[in-house]
C-alpha atoms as a PDB file:
ATOM      1  CA  MET A   1     -46.023  45.865 -54.828  1.00  0.00           C
ATOM      2  CA  ARG A   2     -43.240  44.642 -52.623  1.00  0.00           C
ATOM      3  CA  THR A   3     -44.795  42.346 -50.070  1.00  0.00           C
ATOM      4  CA  LEU A   4     -41.374  40.810 -49.602  1.00  0.00           C
ATOM      5  CA  VAL A   5     -40.042  44.182 -48.427  1.00  0.00           C
ATOM      6  CA  LEU A   6     -42.547  44.182 -45.579  1.00  0.00           C
ATOM      7  CA  VAL A   7     -41.469  40.673 -44.592  1.00  0.00           C
ATOM      8  CA  ILE A   8     -37.799  41.622 -44.765  1.00  0.00           C
ATOM      9  CA  GLY A   9     -38.579  44.797 -42.855  1.00  0.00           C
ATOM     10  CA  SER A  10     -40.199  42.765 -40.115  1.00  0.00           C
ATOM     11  CA  LEU A  11     -37.139  40.552 -39.874  1.00  0.00           C
ATOM     12  CA  VAL A  12     -34.819  43.542 -39.747  1.00  0.00           C
ATOM     13  CA  LEU A  13     -36.962  45.052 -37.017  1.00  0.00           C
ATOM     14  CA  LEU A  14     -36.672  41.830 -35.068  1.00  0.00           C
ATOM     15  CA  THR A  15     -32.914  41.480 -35.426  1.00  0.00           C
ATOM     16  CA  GLY A  16     -31.427  44.705 -36.730  1.00  0.00           C
ATOM     17  CA  GLY A  17     -31.706  47.323 -34.004  1.00  0.00           C
ATOM     18  CA  CYS A  18     -28.385  46.665 -32.319  1.00  0.00           C
ATOM     19  CA  ALA A  19     -26.616  45.173 -35.319  1.00  0.00           C
ATOM     20  CA  THR A  20     -26.874  48.387 -37.295  1.00  0.00           C
ATOM     21  CA  ARG A  21     -24.486  50.161 -34.961  1.00  0.00           C
ATOM     22  CA  SER A  22     -21.604  48.072 -36.305  1.00  0.00           C
ATOM     23  CA  LEU A  23     -22.037  49.663 -39.740  1.00  0.00           C
ATOM     24  CA  GLY A  24     -20.390  52.864 -38.530  1.00  0.00           C
ATOM     25  CA  GLY A  25     -16.822  51.754 -39.232  1.00  0.00           C
ATOM     26  CA  GLY A  26     -16.706  52.761 -42.894  1.00  0.00           C
ATOM     27  CA  SER A  27     -16.213  56.236 -44.293  1.00  0.00           C
ATOM     28  CA  LYS A  28     -19.765  56.204 -45.687  1.00  0.00           C
ATOM     29  CA  PHE A  29     -21.259  56.130 -42.171  1.00  0.00           C
ATOM     30  CA  ASP A  30     -21.136  58.574 -39.286  1.00  0.00           C
ATOM     31  CA  SER A  31     -20.202  57.759 -35.699  1.00  0.00           C
ATOM     32  CA  SER A  32     -23.785  56.730 -34.858  1.00  0.00           C
ATOM     33  CA  GLY A  33     -23.759  54.073 -37.602  1.00  0.00           C
ATOM     34  CA  LEU A  34     -26.030  55.960 -40.004  1.00  0.00           C
ATOM     35  CA  PRO A  35     -25.137  56.850 -43.564  1.00  0.00           C
ATOM     36  CA  LYS A  36     -23.498  60.271 -43.784  1.00  0.00           C
ATOM     37  CA  PRO A  37     -25.749  63.247 -44.638  1.00  0.00           C
ATOM     38  CA  LYS A  38     -24.467  63.443 -48.218  1.00  0.00           C
ATOM     39  CA  TYR A  39     -26.329  60.160 -48.907  1.00  0.00           C
ATOM     40  CA  TYR A  40     -29.669  61.497 -47.642  1.00  0.00           C
ATOM     41  CA  VAL A  41     -32.324  61.384 -50.387  1.00  0.00           C
ATOM     42  CA  GLY A  42     -35.485  62.376 -48.539  1.00  0.00           C
ATOM     43  CA  THR A  43     -38.239  61.606 -46.125  1.00  0.00           C
ATOM     44  CA  ALA A  44     -41.885  60.631 -46.413  1.00  0.00           C
ATOM     45  CA  THR A  45     -44.425  58.136 -45.152  1.00  0.00           C
ATOM     46  CA  TYR A  46     -44.647  56.704 -48.663  1.00  0.00           C
ATOM     47  CA  ILE A  47     -41.317  56.073 -50.382  1.00  0.00           C
ATOM     48  CA  ASP A  48     -41.111  55.738 -54.158  1.00  0.00           C
ATOM     49  CA  TYR A  49     -37.437  55.860 -55.108  1.00  0.00           C
ATOM     50  CA  THR A  50     -35.621  54.931 -58.307  1.00  0.00           C
ATOM     51  CA  ALA A  51     -31.939  54.098 -57.895  1.00  0.00           C
ATOM     52  CA  PRO A  52     -29.739  56.303 -60.106  1.00  0.00           C
ATOM     53  CA  LYS A  53     -27.152  53.501 -60.083  1.00  0.00           C
ATOM     54  CA  ALA A  54     -26.606  50.240 -58.229  1.00  0.00           C
ATOM     55  CA  GLY A  55     -26.306  50.612 -54.463  1.00  0.00           C
ATOM     56  CA  THR A  56     -28.017  50.200 -51.108  1.00  0.00           C
ATOM     57  CA  LEU A  57     -31.049  52.060 -49.821  1.00  0.00           C
ATOM     58  CA  TYR A  58     -31.315  52.593 -46.056  1.00  0.00           C
ATOM     59  CA  PHE A  59     -34.675  53.308 -44.435  1.00  0.00           C
ATOM     60  CA  VAL A  60     -34.074  54.946 -41.043  1.00  0.00           C
ATOM     61  CA  GLU A  61     -36.115  56.072 -38.072  1.00  0.00           C
ATOM     62  CA  ALA A  62     -34.203  59.299 -37.398  1.00  0.00           C
ATOM     63  CA  ASN A  63     -35.360  60.028 -33.821  1.00  0.00           C
ATOM     64  CA  THR A  64     -33.750  56.824 -32.539  1.00  0.00           C
ATOM     65  CA  LYS A  65     -31.085  56.622 -35.291  1.00  0.00           C
ATOM     66  CA  THR A  66     -32.176  53.090 -36.122  1.00  0.00           C
ATOM     67  CA  ILE A  67     -31.805  51.521 -39.545  1.00  0.00           C
ATOM     68  CA  LEU A  68     -35.043  49.621 -40.090  1.00  0.00           C
ATOM     69  CA  LEU A  69     -34.486  48.361 -43.602  1.00  0.00           C
ATOM     70  CA  MET A  70     -31.646  47.932 -46.066  1.00  0.00           C
ATOM     71  CA  GLU A  71     -32.377  47.085 -49.690  1.00  0.00           C
ATOM     72  CA  SER A  72     -29.854  46.440 -52.471  1.00  0.00           C
ATOM     73  CA  LEU A  73     -30.976  48.065 -55.707  1.00  0.00           C
ATOM     74  CA  GLU A  74     -29.762  47.814 -59.269  1.00  0.00           C
ATOM     75  CA  GLN A  75     -29.515  50.857 -61.515  1.00  0.00           C
ATOM     76  CA  SER A  76     -32.993  52.185 -62.396  1.00  0.00           C
ATOM     77  CA  GLU A  77     -34.678  49.738 -59.997  1.00  0.00           C
ATOM     78  CA  ASP A  78     -37.703  51.110 -58.144  1.00  0.00           C
ATOM     79  CA  PHE A  79     -38.261  50.822 -54.401  1.00  0.00           C
ATOM     80  CA  GLU A  80     -41.682  51.420 -52.880  1.00  0.00           C
ATOM     81  CA  PHE A  81     -42.548  51.325 -49.193  1.00  0.00           C
ATOM     82  CA  ASP A  82     -45.593  52.615 -47.349  1.00  0.00           C
ATOM     83  CA  THR A  83     -45.188  53.200 -43.610  1.00  0.00           C
ATOM     84  CA  VAL A  84     -48.943  53.736 -43.227  1.00  0.00           C
ATOM     85  CA  ASP A  85     -49.588  50.049 -43.976  1.00  0.00           C
ATOM     86  CA  LEU A  86     -47.306  48.560 -41.308  1.00  0.00           C
ATOM     87  CA  ASP A  87     -49.004  45.649 -39.595  1.00  0.00           C
ATOM     88  CA  GLU A  88     -49.475  45.279 -35.836  1.00  0.00           C
ATOM     89  CA  ASP A  89     -46.506  42.907 -35.423  1.00  0.00           C
ATOM     90  CA  VAL A  90     -44.122  45.400 -37.013  1.00  0.00           C
ATOM     91  CA  LEU A  91     -45.519  48.234 -34.898  1.00  0.00           C
ATOM     92  CA  MET A  92     -45.131  46.118 -31.759  1.00  0.00           C
ATOM     93  CA  HIS A  93     -41.498  45.347 -32.634  1.00  0.00           C
ATOM     94  CA  MET A  94     -40.850  49.031 -33.221  1.00  0.00           C
ATOM     95  CA  GLU A  95     -42.180  49.815 -29.756  1.00  0.00           C
ATOM     96  CA  GLU A  96     -39.978  47.073 -28.276  1.00  0.00           C
ATOM     97  CA  MET A  97     -36.985  48.784 -29.907  1.00  0.00           C
ATOM     98  CA  GLY A  98     -37.929  52.094 -28.285  1.00  0.00           C
ATOM     99  CA  ILE A  99     -39.455  53.601 -31.426  1.00  0.00           C
ATOM    100  CA  ASP A 100     -42.746  55.456 -31.037  1.00  0.00           C
ATOM    101  CA  PRO A 101     -44.695  54.478 -34.193  1.00  0.00           C
ATOM    102  CA  LEU A 102     -46.915  57.559 -33.902  1.00  0.00           C
ATOM    103  CA  ASN A 103     -44.004  60.015 -33.833  1.00  0.00           C
ATOM    104  CA  CYS A 104     -41.535  58.519 -36.265  1.00  0.00           C
ATOM    105  CA  LYS A 105     -39.259  60.707 -38.316  1.00  0.00           C
ATOM    106  CA  TRP A 106     -38.425  58.723 -41.440  1.00  0.00           C
ATOM    107  CA  ALA A 107     -35.232  59.268 -43.417  1.00  0.00           C
ATOM    108  CA  VAL A 108     -34.062  57.568 -46.586  1.00  0.00           C
ATOM    109  CA  TYR A 109     -30.427  57.286 -47.643  1.00  0.00           C
ATOM    110  CA  PHE A 110     -28.908  55.780 -50.757  1.00  0.00           C
ATOM    111  CA  ILE A 111     -25.253  54.736 -50.948  1.00  0.00           C
ATOM    112  CA  PRO A 112     -24.086  53.929 -54.479  1.00  0.00           C
ATOM    113  CA  ALA A 113     -21.997  50.818 -54.977  1.00  0.00           C
ATOM    114  CA  GLU A 114     -18.366  51.413 -55.800  1.00  0.00           C
END
């Protein structure tokens, strides 16, 4: 449904590994640059999430503490993402970032807009 998400995800994988660390400065993020645990909404290989209000969804590989995808959502907007269907280029970029695609621990966070 969201082919664009896969394209954006590929771009984030290419450029976002180190840049995500700078997100840790705000009170909504912990010292590793990840959203704080209170924003955790779940984990799965297939994500189907409906935003309760406007905000930003963060898709994280928890073993390496790497934010792989950020998506702005409006209230009641759906987000779908299937990690099983990642193409070879994305998997290769994950490996280059030190992420083992076969042993990923996915985590999803949602930070509501203020």
